[in-house]
Amino acid sequence: MRAGPEGDGPAMRGPEDAAALLRTLLADPETAWSLGSFGAIAEFVRDPDEAARAIDDGRLGLATERGAIALSPVPELRPLAYETAFASGWNHAIALCLPEEACAMAGRATVTELGPDAEAARPEDRGSILFDLGLGLRAVDACVRTADPGTLAALRQGAGRPLFSPGSPVAAALVAAGPHRVFLTRIGRIEVFTPIPGPGGTSPEGPHTHILPKLLSAGRTHAATTPIPAGLVPCGAIHPAHPYKDMLGRRIPFRRDRLEAFQRHLDVWGDPALVAVKRAAETGIEAGDRSSWPPGLRRRDVQGARRAAAVQAAFLRGDDPPPPSAGDEADGERGHA
């Protein structure tokens, strides 16, 4: 049966299993995290030697000088491990999903002052003022937080209007001041303290956010290539260490141990139907014609599982992989905020 709110596999594992997964991977500095939606995302990463402290109020999470993550796994949380493949390689992640009826955030469409951020990850930030940027997203409220008088004045001047409305001072003020960005979901938050790059700039090597209006206009919760079952909405994702690239997407020598580690996640948290397709491909067995697939399984996802098996086999054989094509390694969420 296809995994989903009422299906087998990861959907049937309990909240304790999901919390244990989060706790284990939070302890691994080579794992990256993201919360957000298609076109607007916050990412938390840390260096192995970077000082980090636990959140002091019982939430699962960490805070560094560059950012923070604080998670409160609700009973409805459905981790879903998946891979997406292309000609020269593959990406992998564990999507953090909720059922459609449990994922909704405020969905505000204009810049809105919310008051002091009492739920901030660090006690010293709990008196600063939180503003929803009004992106109108389903599963995330993209916010900023500041105590700076000039930034507060600009945000209040733009309150009640869309972020990118003509004449609004907000976007320019955010780039100039670089206030904390705070992305809120039903399962927790990521906070980013690093500066905001100006137009044409690059993301810092650490926690950062992306906002891309063109992608936001599509109104999607996730990319079409991400194999999320019907009825689930991803609020974010876990990005375990990848076998052939670092956190910045740069090629590194192939690490078989990392591939094997993610395959264990895939077996436990993956869509059972797609995992079966991939394991069959690894042994040279065809997955059968479309009529034999479980309901809801898309041809694109079946082809992706087979491609992942093929390209991973090439890496395991030691074949020299082709260089990545333009866009292969990207997640399609470029742009800064």
C-alpha atoms as a PDB file:
ATOM      1  CA  MET A   1       0.000   0.000   0.000  1.00  0.00           C
ATOM      2  CA  ARG A   2       1.239   3.483  -0.803  1.00  0.00           C
ATOM      3  CA  ALA A   3       2.508   5.427   2.218  1.00  0.00           C
ATOM      4  CA  GLY A   4       0.349   8.291   3.334  1.00  0.00           C
ATOM      5  CA  PRO A   5      -1.830   9.430   6.209  1.00  0.00           C
ATOM      6  CA  GLU A   6      -3.631   6.072   6.292  1.00  0.00           C
ATOM      7  CA  GLY A   7      -1.004   3.785   4.733  1.00  0.00           C
ATOM      8  CA  ASP A   8       1.802   1.444   5.707  1.00  0.00           C
ATOM      9  CA  GLY A   9       5.452   2.079   6.418  1.00  0.00           C
ATOM     10  CA  PRO A  10       6.542   5.449   7.785  1.00  0.00           C
ATOM     11  CA  ALA A  11       2.946   6.610   8.185  1.00  0.00           C
ATOM     12  CA  MET A  12       2.360   3.874  10.759  1.00  0.00           C
ATOM     13  CA  ARG A  13       5.418   4.562  12.904  1.00  0.00           C
ATOM     14  CA  GLY A  14       4.686   6.329  16.161  1.00  0.00           C
ATOM     15  CA  PRO A  15       5.551   9.820  17.421  1.00  0.00           C
ATOM     16  CA  GLU A  16       8.320   8.338  19.570  1.00  0.00           C
ATOM     17  CA  ASP A  17      10.027   6.974  16.452  1.00  0.00           C
ATOM     18  CA  ALA A  18       9.857  10.352  14.723  1.00  0.00           C
ATOM     19  CA  ALA A  19      11.183  12.156  17.799  1.00  0.00           C
ATOM     20  CA  ALA A  20      14.042   9.657  18.061  1.00  0.00           C
ATOM     21  CA  LEU A  21      14.938  10.288  14.409  1.00  0.00           C
ATOM     22  CA  LEU A  22      15.020  14.051  14.984  1.00  0.00           C
ATOM     23  CA  ARG A  23      17.073  13.684  18.151  1.00  0.00           C
ATOM     24  CA  THR A  24      19.622  11.394  16.501  1.00  0.00           C
ATOM     25  CA  LEU A  25      20.172  13.605  13.465  1.00  0.00           C
ATOM     26  CA  LEU A  26      20.284  16.837  15.497  1.00  0.00           C
ATOM     27  CA  ALA A  27      23.342  15.364  17.202  1.00  0.00           C
ATOM     28  CA  ASP A  28      25.085  14.969  13.827  1.00  0.00           C
ATOM     29  CA  PRO A  29      26.794  18.217  12.695  1.00  0.00           C
ATOM     30  CA  GLU A  30      26.992  16.864   9.128  1.00  0.00           C
ATOM     31  CA  THR A  31      23.193  16.915   8.852  1.00  0.00           C
ATOM     32  CA  ALA A  32      21.467  20.051   7.525  1.00  0.00           C
ATOM     33  CA  TRP A  33      17.872  21.104   8.154  1.00  0.00           C
ATOM     34  CA  SER A  34      15.286  23.197   6.355  1.00  0.00           C
ATOM     35  CA  LEU A  35      11.792  24.492   7.048  1.00  0.00           C
ATOM     36  CA  GLY A  36       9.605  26.236   4.524  1.00  0.00           C
ATOM     37  CA  SER A  37       7.756  25.857   1.268  1.00  0.00           C
ATOM     38  CA  PHE A  38       8.437  26.006  -2.466  1.00  0.00           C
ATOM     39  CA  GLY A  39      10.115  29.386  -3.017  1.00  0.00           C
ATOM     40  CA  ALA A  40      10.673  30.279   0.648  1.00  0.00           C
ATOM     41  CA  ILE A  41      12.934  28.230   2.876  1.00  0.00           C
ATOM     42  CA  ALA A  42      15.157  28.619   5.946  1.00  0.00           C
ATOM     43  CA  GLU A  43      18.171  26.371   6.393  1.00  0.00           C
ATOM     44  CA  PHE A  44      20.081  25.482   9.565  1.00  0.00           C
ATOM     45  CA  VAL A  45      23.578  24.037   9.382  1.00  0.00           C
ATOM     46  CA  ARG A  46      26.546  24.040  11.741  1.00  0.00           C
ATOM     47  CA  ASP A  47      30.222  23.229  11.552  1.00  0.00           C
ATOM     48  CA  PRO A  48      31.557  20.180  13.438  1.00  0.00           C
ATOM     49  CA  ASP A  49      33.625  22.413  15.736  1.00  0.00           C
ATOM     50  CA  GLU A  50      31.008  25.159  16.092  1.00  0.00           C
ATOM     51  CA  ALA A  51      29.749  25.890  19.616  1.00  0.00           C
ATOM     52  CA  ALA A  52      26.092  24.909  19.984  1.00  0.00           C
ATOM     53  CA  ARG A  53      23.773  24.869  22.981  1.00  0.00           C
ATOM     54  CA  ALA A  54      20.556  22.964  23.532  1.00  0.00           C
ATOM     55  CA  ILE A  55      17.245  24.819  23.613  1.00  0.00           C
ATOM     56  CA  ASP A  56      16.409  25.488  27.268  1.00  0.00           C
ATOM     57  CA  ASP A  57      12.649  24.820  27.301  1.00  0.00           C
ATOM     58  CA  GLY A  58      12.259  21.162  26.369  1.00  0.00           C
ATOM     59  CA  ARG A  59      12.051  21.575  22.598  1.00  0.00           C
ATOM     60  CA  LEU A  60      14.408  19.529  20.446  1.00  0.00           C
ATOM     61  CA  GLY A  61      16.996  21.829  18.961  1.00  0.00           C
ATOM     62  CA  LEU A  62      20.223  23.766  18.997  1.00  0.00           C
ATOM     63  CA  ALA A  63      21.337  27.376  18.898  1.00  0.00           C
ATOM     64  CA  THR A  64      24.641  28.717  17.587  1.00  0.00           C
ATOM     65  CA  GLU A  65      25.889  32.252  17.001  1.00  0.00           C
ATOM     66  CA  ARG A  66      24.633  31.990  13.394  1.00  0.00           C
ATOM     67  CA  GLY A  67      21.212  30.422  13.811  1.00  0.00           C
ATOM     68  CA  ALA A  68      18.920  28.086  15.692  1.00  0.00           C
ATOM     69  CA  ILE A  69      16.461  25.255  15.218  1.00  0.00           C
ATOM     70  CA  ALA A  70      13.722  24.365  17.713  1.00  0.00           C
ATOM     71  CA  LEU A  71      11.392  21.455  16.958  1.00  0.00           C
ATOM     72  CA  SER A  72       8.229  20.243  18.666  1.00  0.00           C
ATOM     73  CA  PRO A  73       7.282  17.020  16.867  1.00  0.00           C
ATOM     74  CA  VAL A  74       3.496  16.718  16.903  1.00  0.00           C
ATOM     75  CA  PRO A  75       1.815  13.286  16.821  1.00  0.00           C
ATOM     76  CA  GLU A  76       0.823  13.795  13.178  1.00  0.00           C
ATOM     77  CA  LEU A  77       4.433  14.233  11.981  1.00  0.00           C
ATOM     78  CA  ARG A  78       5.312  11.888   9.098  1.00  0.00           C
ATOM     79  CA  PRO A  79       9.013  11.744   8.150  1.00  0.00           C
ATOM     80  CA  LEU A  80       9.367  10.542   4.557  1.00  0.00           C
ATOM     81  CA  ALA A  81      12.788   9.603   3.156  1.00  0.00           C
ATOM     82  CA  TYR A  82      13.202   9.983  -0.602  1.00  0.00           C
ATOM     83  CA  GLU A  83      15.720  10.329  -3.427  1.00  0.00           C
ATOM     84  CA  THR A  84      15.541  12.302  -6.672  1.00  0.00           C
ATOM     85  CA  ALA A  85      17.930  11.302  -9.445  1.00  0.00           C
ATOM     86  CA  PHE A  86      19.321  12.951 -12.563  1.00  0.00           C
ATOM     87  CA  ALA A  87      21.917  12.042 -15.197  1.00  0.00           C
ATOM     88  CA  SER A  88      25.015  12.770 -13.118  1.00  0.00           C
ATOM     89  CA  GLY A  89      23.886  12.015  -9.588  1.00  0.00           C
ATOM     90  CA  TRP A  90      21.078  12.264  -7.078  1.00  0.00           C
ATOM     91  CA  ASN A  91      19.755  14.218  -4.125  1.00  0.00           C
ATOM     92  CA  HIS A  92      18.288  12.785  -0.955  1.00  0.00           C
ATOM     93  CA  ALA A  93      16.335  14.071   2.027  1.00  0.00           C
ATOM     94  CA  ILE A  94      13.820  13.132   4.695  1.00  0.00           C
ATOM     95  CA  ALA A  95      10.749  15.301   4.225  1.00  0.00           C
ATOM     96  CA  LEU A  96       8.990  16.363   7.429  1.00  0.00           C
ATOM     97  CA  CYS A  97       5.333  16.060   6.475  1.00  0.00           C
ATOM     98  CA  LEU A  98       1.975  16.669   8.063  1.00  0.00           C
ATOM     99  CA  PRO A  99      -1.471  15.652   6.835  1.00  0.00           C
ATOM    100  CA  GLU A 100      -3.131  18.397   4.812  1.00  0.00           C
ATOM    101  CA  GLU A 101      -5.608  19.127   7.576  1.00  0.00           C
ATOM    102  CA  ALA A 102      -2.863  19.597  10.184  1.00  0.00           C
ATOM    103  CA  CYS A 103      -0.264  21.725   8.374  1.00  0.00           C
ATOM    104  CA  ALA A 104      -1.925  25.130   7.972  1.00  0.00           C
ATOM    105  CA  MET A 105      -0.291  28.247   9.374  1.00  0.00           C
ATOM    106  CA  ALA A 106      -1.756  31.778   9.462  1.00  0.00           C
ATOM    107  CA  GLY A 107      -1.466  32.407   5.710  1.00  0.00           C
ATOM    108  CA  ARG A 108      -1.254  36.191   6.116  1.00  0.00           C
ATOM    109  CA  ALA A 109      -0.987  38.123   2.847  1.00  0.00           C
ATOM    110  CA  THR A 110       0.437  41.392   4.194  1.00  0.00           C
ATOM    111  CA  VAL A 111       3.290  42.424   6.500  1.00  0.00           C
ATOM    112  CA  THR A 112       1.901  42.051  10.025  1.00  0.00           C
ATOM    113  CA  GLU A 113       3.325  42.909  13.442  1.00  0.00           C
ATOM    114  CA  LEU A 114       2.977  39.966  15.841  1.00  0.00           C
ATOM    115  CA  GLY A 115       4.566  41.347  19.004  1.00  0.00           C
ATOM    116  CA  PRO A 116       7.448  40.033  21.141  1.00  0.00           C
ATOM    117  CA  ASP A 117       8.761  36.646  20.043  1.00  0.00           C
ATOM    118  CA  ALA A 118       8.101  34.748  23.273  1.00  0.00           C
ATOM    119  CA  GLU A 119       8.969  31.412  21.609  1.00  0.00           C
ATOM    120  CA  ALA A 120      12.435  32.481  20.411  1.00  0.00           C
ATOM    121  CA  ALA A 121      15.050  29.747  20.675  1.00  0.00           C
ATOM    122  CA  ARG A 122      17.372  31.926  22.765  1.00  0.00           C
ATOM    123  CA  PRO A 123      16.144  33.783  25.876  1.00  0.00           C
ATOM    124  CA  GLU A 124      17.918  36.978  24.806  1.00  0.00           C
ATOM    125  CA  ASP A 125      15.759  37.223  21.677  1.00  0.00           C
ATOM    126  CA  ARG A 126      12.370  36.853  23.349  1.00  0.00           C
ATOM    127  CA  GLY A 127      11.801  40.586  23.751  1.00  0.00           C
ATOM    128  CA  SER A 128      12.439  41.440  20.098  1.00  0.00           C
ATOM    129  CA  ILE A 129       9.445  42.108  17.847  1.00  0.00           C
ATOM    130  CA  LEU A 130       8.281  39.524  15.325  1.00  0.00           C
ATOM    131  CA  PHE A 131       6.770  40.494  11.951  1.00  0.00           C
ATOM    132  CA  ASP A 132       5.102  38.125   9.504  1.00  0.00           C
ATOM    133  CA  LEU A 133       6.272  39.027   5.982  1.00  0.00           C
ATOM    134  CA  GLY A 134       2.865  38.107   4.599  1.00  0.00           C
ATOM    135  CA  LEU A 135       3.897  35.584   1.936  1.00  0.00           C
ATOM    136  CA  GLY A 136       0.571  33.766   2.246  1.00  0.00           C
ATOM    137  CA  LEU A 137       2.121  30.302   2.401  1.00  0.00           C
ATOM    138  CA  ARG A 138       0.150  27.299   3.508  1.00  0.00           C
ATOM    139  CA  ALA A 139       2.573  25.461   5.805  1.00  0.00           C
ATOM    140  CA  VAL A 140       4.990  28.183   6.957  1.00  0.00           C
ATOM    141  CA  ASP A 141       4.894  31.732   8.268  1.00  0.00           C
ATOM    142  CA  ALA A 142       8.037  33.520   7.042  1.00  0.00           C
ATOM    143  CA  CYS A 143       8.883  36.199   9.602  1.00  0.00           C
ATOM    144  CA  VAL A 144      11.610  38.595  10.676  1.00  0.00           C
ATOM    145  CA  ARG A 145      12.525  39.689  14.195  1.00  0.00           C
ATOM    146  CA  THR A 146      14.209  42.880  15.352  1.00  0.00           C
ATOM    147  CA  ALA A 147      14.669  45.334  18.191  1.00  0.00           C
ATOM    148  CA  ASP A 148      16.381  47.944  16.007  1.00  0.00           C
ATOM    149  CA  PRO A 149      14.360  51.201  15.983  1.00  0.00           C
ATOM    150  CA  GLY A 150      15.043  52.013  12.331  1.00  0.00           C
ATOM    151  CA  THR A 151      14.085  48.553  11.130  1.00  0.00           C
ATOM    152  CA  LEU A 152      10.995  48.556  13.329  1.00  0.00           C
ATOM    153  CA  ALA A 153       9.952  51.884  11.819  1.00  0.00           C
ATOM    154  CA  ALA A 154      10.325  50.561   8.249  1.00  0.00           C
ATOM    155  CA  LEU A 155       8.403  47.385   9.043  1.00  0.00           C
ATOM    156  CA  ARG A 156       5.608  49.333  10.682  1.00  0.00           C
ATOM    157  CA  GLN A 157       5.463  51.708   7.721  1.00  0.00           C
ATOM    158  CA  GLY A 158       5.005  48.713   5.416  1.00  0.00           C
ATOM    159  CA  ALA A 159       2.546  46.877   7.665  1.00  0.00           C
ATOM    160  CA  GLY A 160      -0.788  46.080   6.058  1.00  0.00           C
ATOM    161  CA  ARG A 161       0.715  45.863   2.554  1.00  0.00           C
ATOM    162  CA  PRO A 162       2.264  42.956   0.640  1.00  0.00           C
ATOM    163  CA  LEU A 163       6.021  42.679   1.073  1.00  0.00           C
ATOM    164  CA  PHE A 164       6.803  43.470  -2.563  1.00  0.00           C
ATOM    165  CA  SER A 165       4.128  46.126  -3.116  1.00  0.00           C
ATOM    166  CA  PRO A 166       5.284  49.293  -4.942  1.00  0.00           C
ATOM    167  CA  GLY A 167       6.613  51.903  -2.538  1.00  0.00           C
ATOM    168  CA  SER A 168       6.966  49.574   0.415  1.00  0.00           C
ATOM    169  CA  PRO A 169      10.206  50.253   2.345  1.00  0.00           C
ATOM    170  CA  VAL A 170      10.341  46.786   3.877  1.00  0.00           C
ATOM    171  CA  ALA A 171      12.387  44.739   1.388  1.00  0.00           C
ATOM    172  CA  ALA A 172      15.169  47.331   1.125  1.00  0.00           C
ATOM    173  CA  ALA A 173      15.239  47.788   4.908  1.00  0.00           C
ATOM    174  CA  LEU A 174      15.610  44.056   5.454  1.00  0.00           C
ATOM    175  CA  VAL A 175      18.592  43.768   3.121  1.00  0.00           C
ATOM    176  CA  ALA A 176      20.251  46.788   4.738  1.00  0.00           C
ATOM    177  CA  ALA A 177      19.664  45.759   8.358  1.00  0.00           C
ATOM    178  CA  GLY A 178      19.743  41.951   8.115  1.00  0.00           C
ATOM    179  CA  PRO A 179      17.322  41.241  10.976  1.00  0.00           C
ATOM    180  CA  HIS A 180      16.820  37.719  12.255  1.00  0.00           C
ATOM    181  CA  ARG A 181      14.702  35.612   9.931  1.00  0.00           C
ATOM    182  CA  VAL A 182      12.280  33.266  11.701  1.00  0.00           C
ATOM    183  CA  PHE A 183      10.397  30.577   9.762  1.00  0.00           C
ATOM    184  CA  LEU A 184       7.528  29.038  11.731  1.00  0.00           C
ATOM    185  CA  THR A 185       5.724  25.745  11.067  1.00  0.00           C
ATOM    186  CA  ARG A 186       3.471  23.420  13.047  1.00  0.00           C
ATOM    187  CA  ILE A 187       6.506  21.264  13.861  1.00  0.00           C
ATOM    188  CA  GLY A 188       8.871  24.022  14.940  1.00  0.00           C
ATOM    189  CA  ARG A 189      11.039  26.874  13.735  1.00  0.00           C
ATOM    190  CA  ILE A 190      14.374  27.810  12.207  1.00  0.00           C
ATOM    191  CA  GLU A 191      15.981  31.158  13.037  1.00  0.00           C
ATOM    192  CA  VAL A 192      18.765  32.713  10.954  1.00  0.00           C
ATOM    193  CA  PHE A 193      21.074  35.385  12.362  1.00  0.00           C
ATOM    194  CA  THR A 194      23.502  35.818   9.447  1.00  0.00           C
ATOM    195  CA  PRO A 195      23.456  38.902   7.161  1.00  0.00           C
ATOM    196  CA  ILE A 196      21.185  39.046   4.123  1.00  0.00           C
ATOM    197  CA  PRO A 197      23.182  39.164   0.850  1.00  0.00           C
ATOM    198  CA  GLY A 198      22.357  42.038  -1.465  1.00  0.00           C
ATOM    199  CA  PRO A 199      21.146  41.586  -5.053  1.00  0.00           C
ATOM    200  CA  GLY A 200      23.433  39.174  -6.887  1.00  0.00           C
ATOM    201  CA  GLY A 201      25.113  38.090  -3.640  1.00  0.00           C
ATOM    202  CA  THR A 202      25.660  34.525  -2.499  1.00  0.00           C
ATOM    203  CA  SER A 203      24.327  32.764   0.577  1.00  0.00           C
ATOM    204  CA  PRO A 204      26.637  32.685   3.602  1.00  0.00           C
ATOM    205  CA  GLU A 205      28.325  29.412   4.518  1.00  0.00           C
ATOM    206  CA  GLY A 206      25.952  28.715   7.356  1.00  0.00           C
ATOM    207  CA  PRO A 207      22.293  29.193   8.245  1.00  0.00           C
ATOM    208  CA  HIS A 208      20.481  31.236   5.600  1.00  0.00           C
ATOM    209  CA  THR A 209      17.123  31.828   3.954  1.00  0.00           C
ATOM    210  CA  HIS A 210      15.865  31.888   0.382  1.00  0.00           C
ATOM    211  CA  ILE A 211      12.851  33.763  -0.940  1.00  0.00           C
ATOM    212  CA  LEU A 212      12.135  33.657  -4.677  1.00  0.00           C
ATOM    213  CA  PRO A 213       8.951  35.451  -5.775  1.00  0.00           C
ATOM    214  CA  LYS A 214       8.766  33.614  -9.114  1.00  0.00           C
ATOM    215  CA  LEU A 215       8.567  30.254  -7.370  1.00  0.00           C
ATOM    216  CA  LEU A 216       6.183  31.600  -4.745  1.00  0.00           C
ATOM    217  CA  SER A 217       3.788  32.599  -7.511  1.00  0.00           C
ATOM    218  CA  ALA A 218       3.374  28.924  -8.430  1.00  0.00           C
ATOM    219  CA  GLY A 219       1.547  28.341  -5.148  1.00  0.00           C
ATOM    220  CA  ARG A 220       3.168  24.927  -4.610  1.00  0.00           C
ATOM    221  CA  THR A 221       4.159  23.405  -1.287  1.00  0.00           C
ATOM    222  CA  HIS A 222       7.025  21.446  -2.883  1.00  0.00           C
ATOM    223  CA  ALA A 223       8.750  20.799  -6.196  1.00  0.00           C
ATOM    224  CA  ALA A 224       6.942  18.557  -8.663  1.00  0.00           C
ATOM    225  CA  THR A 225       9.916  16.178  -8.652  1.00  0.00           C
ATOM    226  CA  THR A 226       9.615  15.513  -4.908  1.00  0.00           C
ATOM    227  CA  PRO A 227       7.691  12.238  -4.395  1.00  0.00           C
ATOM    228  CA  ILE A 228       5.294  13.325  -1.641  1.00  0.00           C
ATOM    229  CA  PRO A 229       2.182  11.121  -1.398  1.00  0.00           C
ATOM    230  CA  ALA A 230      -1.234  12.692  -1.813  1.00  0.00           C
ATOM    231  CA  GLY A 231      -2.657  13.926   1.466  1.00  0.00           C
ATOM    232  CA  LEU A 232       0.687  14.972   2.946  1.00  0.00           C
ATOM    233  CA  VAL A 233       2.332  18.403   2.923  1.00  0.00           C
ATOM    234  CA  PRO A 234       6.077  18.843   3.632  1.00  0.00           C
ATOM    235  CA  CYS A 235       6.837  21.540   6.209  1.00  0.00           C
ATOM    236  CA  GLY A 236      10.585  21.047   5.917  1.00  0.00           C
ATOM    237  CA  ALA A 237      13.267  18.432   5.501  1.00  0.00           C
ATOM    238  CA  ILE A 238      16.304  16.784   7.021  1.00  0.00           C
ATOM    239  CA  HIS A 239      19.361  16.614   4.752  1.00  0.00           C
ATOM    240  CA  PRO A 240      21.741  13.881   5.991  1.00  0.00           C
ATOM    241  CA  ALA A 241      25.338  13.956   4.818  1.00  0.00           C
ATOM    242  CA  HIS A 242      25.547  13.180   1.098  1.00  0.00           C
ATOM    243  CA  PRO A 243      27.888  10.566  -0.398  1.00  0.00           C
ATOM    244  CA  TYR A 244      29.571  12.771  -3.036  1.00  0.00           C
ATOM    245  CA  LYS A 245      29.021  16.423  -2.100  1.00  0.00           C
ATOM    246  CA  ASP A 246      29.370  18.675   0.906  1.00  0.00           C
ATOM    247  CA  MET A 247      26.759  21.046   2.356  1.00  0.00           C
ATOM    248  CA  LEU A 248      27.616  23.660  -0.275  1.00  0.00           C
ATOM    249  CA  GLY A 249      27.118  21.212  -3.131  1.00  0.00           C
ATOM    250  CA  ARG A 250      30.838  20.866  -3.895  1.00  0.00           C
ATOM    251  CA  ARG A 251      32.057  17.455  -5.057  1.00  0.00           C
ATOM    252  CA  ILE A 252      33.954  15.351  -2.509  1.00  0.00           C
ATOM    253  CA  PRO A 253      35.422  11.846  -2.794  1.00  0.00           C
ATOM    254  CA  PHE A 254      32.623   9.290  -2.806  1.00  0.00           C
ATOM    255  CA  ARG A 255      31.655   8.037   0.669  1.00  0.00           C
ATOM    256  CA  ARG A 256      30.079   4.588   0.580  1.00  0.00           C
ATOM    257  CA  ASP A 257      29.279   4.758   4.299  1.00  0.00           C
ATOM    258  CA  ARG A 258      27.062   7.797   3.722  1.00  0.00           C
ATOM    259  CA  LEU A 259      25.193   6.035   0.935  1.00  0.00           C
ATOM    260  CA  GLU A 260      24.602   3.020   3.149  1.00  0.00           C
ATOM    261  CA  ALA A 261      23.477   5.245   6.036  1.00  0.00           C
ATOM    262  CA  PHE A 262      20.795   6.897   3.925  1.00  0.00           C
ATOM    263  CA  GLN A 263      19.640   3.570   2.525  1.00  0.00           C
ATOM    264  CA  ARG A 264      18.834   2.565   6.110  1.00  0.00           C
ATOM    265  CA  HIS A 265      16.728   5.715   6.459  1.00  0.00           C
ATOM    266  CA  LEU A 266      15.064   4.903   3.141  1.00  0.00           C
ATOM    267  CA  ASP A 267      14.170   1.389   4.270  1.00  0.00           C
ATOM    268  CA  VAL A 268      12.640   2.675   7.520  1.00  0.00           C
ATOM    269  CA  TRP A 269      11.093   5.980   6.429  1.00  0.00           C
ATOM    270  CA  GLY A 270      10.711   5.707   2.667  1.00  0.00           C
ATOM    271  CA  ASP A 271       7.537   5.101   0.675  1.00  0.00           C
ATOM    272  CA  PRO A 272       7.372   1.278   0.718  1.00  0.00           C
ATOM    273  CA  ALA A 273       6.188   1.095  -2.891  1.00  0.00           C
ATOM    274  CA  LEU A 274       9.037   3.235  -4.230  1.00  0.00           C
ATOM    275  CA  VAL A 275      11.589   1.478  -2.043  1.00  0.00           C
ATOM    276  CA  ALA A 276      10.409  -1.832  -3.498  1.00  0.00           C
ATOM    277  CA  VAL A 277      10.805  -0.442  -7.025  1.00  0.00           C
ATOM    278  CA  LYS A 278      14.332   0.699  -6.251  1.00  0.00           C
ATOM    279  CA  ARG A 279      15.400  -2.534  -4.560  1.00  0.00           C
ATOM    280  CA  ALA A 280      14.045  -4.493  -7.544  1.00  0.00           C
ATOM    281  CA  ALA A 281      16.043  -2.291  -9.909  1.00  0.00           C
ATOM    282  CA  GLU A 282      19.182  -2.897  -7.849  1.00  0.00           C
ATOM    283  CA  THR A 283      18.820  -6.630  -8.407  1.00  0.00           C
ATOM    284  CA  GLY A 284      17.935  -6.284 -12.083  1.00  0.00           C
ATOM    285  CA  ILE A 285      14.263  -7.137 -11.626  1.00  0.00           C
ATOM    286  CA  GLU A 286      11.757  -5.035 -13.555  1.00  0.00           C
ATOM    287  CA  ALA A 287       9.007  -3.337 -11.556  1.00  0.00           C
ATOM    288  CA  GLY A 288       6.283  -4.597 -13.905  1.00  0.00           C
ATOM    289  CA  ASP A 289       3.872  -2.606 -16.021  1.00  0.00           C
ATOM    290  CA  ARG A 290       1.879   0.321 -14.723  1.00  0.00           C
ATOM    291  CA  SER A 291      -1.189  -1.819 -13.989  1.00  0.00           C
ATOM    292  CA  SER A 292       0.768  -3.651 -11.279  1.00  0.00           C
ATOM    293  CA  TRP A 293       1.846  -0.509  -9.401  1.00  0.00           C
ATOM    294  CA  PRO A 294       0.115   0.472  -6.155  1.00  0.00           C
ATOM    295  CA  PRO A 295      -2.573   3.177  -6.526  1.00  0.00           C
ATOM    296  CA  GLY A 296      -1.208   6.711  -6.730  1.00  0.00           C
ATOM    297  CA  LEU A 297       2.325   5.765  -7.762  1.00  0.00           C
ATOM    298  CA  ARG A 298       3.467   8.164 -10.482  1.00  0.00           C
ATOM    299  CA  ARG A 299       5.500   7.123 -13.520  1.00  0.00           C
ATOM    300  CA  ARG A 300       7.928   9.987 -12.753  1.00  0.00           C
ATOM    301  CA  ASP A 301       8.582   8.597  -9.278  1.00  0.00           C
ATOM    302  CA  VAL A 302       9.101   5.051 -10.538  1.00  0.00           C
ATOM    303  CA  GLN A 303      11.551   6.279 -13.154  1.00  0.00           C
ATOM    304  CA  GLY A 304      13.326   8.348 -10.501  1.00  0.00           C
ATOM    305  CA  ALA A 305      13.734   5.334  -8.214  1.00  0.00           C
ATOM    306  CA  ARG A 306      15.203   3.318 -11.077  1.00  0.00           C
ATOM    307  CA  ARG A 307      17.564   6.141 -12.049  1.00  0.00           C
ATOM    308  CA  ALA A 308      18.724   6.465  -8.442  1.00  0.00           C
ATOM    309  CA  ALA A 309      19.542   2.757  -8.364  1.00  0.00           C
ATOM    310  CA  ALA A 310      21.478   3.009 -11.640  1.00  0.00           C
ATOM    311  CA  VAL A 311      23.538   6.078 -10.800  1.00  0.00           C
ATOM    312  CA  GLN A 312      24.363   4.791  -7.317  1.00  0.00           C
ATOM    313  CA  ALA A 313      25.504   1.508  -8.820  1.00  0.00           C
ATOM    314  CA  ALA A 314      27.862   3.469 -11.066  1.00  0.00           C
ATOM    315  CA  PHE A 315      29.374   5.251  -8.065  1.00  0.00           C
ATOM    316  CA  LEU A 316      29.729   1.954  -6.202  1.00  0.00           C
ATOM    317  CA  ARG A 317      31.559   0.462  -9.203  1.00  0.00           C
ATOM    318  CA  GLY A 318      33.937   3.381  -9.173  1.00  0.00           C
ATOM    319  CA  ASP A 319      32.860   4.672 -12.565  1.00  0.00           C
ATOM    320  CA  ASP A 320      33.860   8.245 -13.252  1.00  0.00           C
ATOM    321  CA  PRO A 321      30.560  10.150 -13.051  1.00  0.00           C
ATOM    322  CA  PRO A 322      29.791  12.786 -15.670  1.00  0.00           C
ATOM    323  CA  PRO A 323      30.017  16.411 -14.558  1.00  0.00           C
ATOM    324  CA  PRO A 324      26.735  17.859 -13.257  1.00  0.00           C
ATOM    325  CA  SER A 325      24.524  19.578 -15.790  1.00  0.00           C
ATOM    326  CA  ALA A 326      23.279  23.098 -15.130  1.00  0.00           C
ATOM    327  CA  GLY A 327      20.644  22.918 -12.430  1.00  0.00           C
ATOM    328  CA  ASP A 328      21.284  19.261 -11.530  1.00  0.00           C
ATOM    329  CA  GLU A 329      22.514  19.977  -8.029  1.00  0.00           C
ATOM    330  CA  ALA A 330      20.163  22.881  -7.322  1.00  0.00           C
ATOM    331  CA  ASP A 331      16.946  22.684  -5.368  1.00  0.00           C
ATOM    332  CA  GLY A 332      15.338  25.453  -7.402  1.00  0.00           C
ATOM    333  CA  GLU A 333      15.040  27.751  -4.404  1.00  0.00           C
ATOM    334  CA  ARG A 334      17.566  30.492  -5.103  1.00  0.00           C
ATOM    335  CA  GLY A 335      17.206  34.076  -3.955  1.00  0.00           C
ATOM    336  CA  HIS A 336      17.966  35.582  -0.560  1.00  0.00           C
ATOM    337  CA  ALA A 337      16.051  37.063   2.331  1.00  0.00           C
END
